[in-house]
Protein backbone atom coordinates (compact mmCIF):
# COMPACT_ATOMS: atom_id res chain seq x y z
CA UNK A 1 155.07 197.87 102.83
CA UNK A 2 153.00 200.57 101.15
CA UNK A 3 150.37 198.77 99.09
CA UNK A 4 148.39 201.95 98.28
CA UNK A 5 150.11 202.30 94.92
CA UNK A 6 148.50 199.03 93.77
CA UNK A 7 144.94 200.18 94.54
CA UNK A 8 142.85 201.02 91.50
CA UNK A 9 140.97 199.51 88.59
CA UNK A 10 142.55 197.09 86.15
CA UNK A 11 140.70 195.87 83.09
CA UNK A 12 141.11 193.34 80.32
CA UNK A 13 138.70 191.58 77.98
CA UNK A 14 136.11 189.81 80.08
CA UNK A 15 137.30 190.93 83.53
CA UNK A 16 137.34 194.11 85.58
CA UNK A 17 139.55 193.88 88.67
CA UNK A 18 139.26 196.47 91.41
CA UNK A 19 142.05 196.47 93.98
CA UNK A 20 140.60 198.09 97.07
CA UNK A 21 142.47 199.46 100.07
CA UNK A 22 140.76 198.28 103.28
CA UNK A 23 141.65 198.65 106.94
CA UNK A 24 143.25 195.20 106.82
CA UNK A 25 145.13 195.61 103.52
CA UNK A 26 144.23 195.00 99.89
CA UNK A 27 141.11 193.28 98.59
CA UNK A 28 140.54 192.13 95.02
CA UNK A 29 137.04 192.48 93.58
CA UNK A 30 136.84 190.62 90.28
CA UNK A 31 133.82 191.15 88.03
CA UNK A 32 133.25 189.20 84.85
CA UNK A 33 132.12 191.40 81.97
CA UNK A 34 130.70 190.83 78.52
CA UNK A 35 129.36 187.42 77.47
CA UNK A 36 131.15 185.66 80.35
CA UNK A 37 129.10 187.58 82.90
CA UNK A 38 125.88 186.14 81.48
CA UNK A 39 127.10 182.58 82.09
CA UNK A 40 128.06 183.02 85.74
CA UNK A 41 125.47 182.86 88.53
CA UNK A 42 127.47 185.50 90.44
CA UNK A 43 129.78 187.49 88.15
CA UNK A 44 131.51 189.27 91.07
CA UNK A 45 133.92 187.61 93.51
CA UNK A 46 136.03 189.19 96.25
CA UNK A 47 139.29 187.97 97.77
CA UNK A 48 141.57 189.28 100.50
CA UNK A 49 145.12 189.69 99.20
CA UNK A 50 147.85 188.34 101.46
CA UNK A 51 151.20 190.14 101.01
CA UNK A 52 154.22 188.04 100.08
CA UNK A 53 156.47 190.92 99.03
CA UNK A 54 156.07 194.55 97.95
CA UNK A 55 154.69 193.56 94.54
CA UNK A 56 153.56 189.95 95.10
CA UNK A 57 150.33 188.99 96.86
CA UNK A 58 148.19 185.84 96.94
CA UNK A 59 144.60 184.84 97.57
CA UNK A 60 142.86 181.57 98.30
CA UNK A 61 139.48 181.22 96.61
CA UNK A 62 136.93 179.24 98.64
CA UNK A 63 136.59 176.58 95.94
CA UNK A 64 140.35 176.18 95.49
CA UNK A 65 142.98 174.13 97.29
CA UNK A 66 145.87 176.24 96.01
CA UNK A 67 146.77 179.91 96.38
CA UNK A 68 146.61 182.22 93.37
CA UNK A 69 149.57 184.60 93.02
CA UNK A 70 148.84 188.24 92.15
CA UNK A 71 151.78 190.23 90.81
CA UNK A 72 151.87 193.99 90.36
CA UNK A 73 154.47 195.43 87.99
CA UNK A 74 155.22 198.40 85.77
CA UNK A 75 156.27 198.20 82.13
CA UNK A 76 159.49 199.99 81.13
CA UNK A 77 157.27 202.65 79.55
CA UNK A 78 155.58 203.33 82.92
CA UNK A 79 152.18 201.61 82.62
CA UNK A 80 151.15 199.68 85.77
CA UNK A 81 149.73 196.14 85.41
CA UNK A 82 148.37 193.34 87.56
CA UNK A 83 148.93 189.71 86.63
CA UNK A 84 146.94 186.76 88.00
CA UNK A 85 145.10 183.77 86.63
CA UNK A 86 147.55 183.48 83.70
CA UNK A 87 146.52 186.91 82.39
CA UNK A 88 147.68 190.49 82.74
CA UNK A 89 145.54 193.63 82.90
CA UNK A 90 146.55 197.28 82.66
CA UNK A 91 145.53 199.82 85.30
CA UNK A 92 142.77 201.99 83.86
CA UNK A 93 141.85 204.13 86.88
């Protein structure tokens, strides 16, 4: 599977998600932005993404007992998105 196409920066209100290509695969760096960032002791978290399929990955946060699915998709008009945590974010870079 070629996960390079998913690498990049995705952003929505309150969250900036960077999908990084590492030697082991993809890594998600999530940074809270805006007023939410001021409430968190550490506004940046990182998670290794485990591939499930070409466009579906998952991560297990240390404080969680369940995996979080991360879905990459493209709108019919061509814009790439990532969806996780019940929210979607467009690719901005």
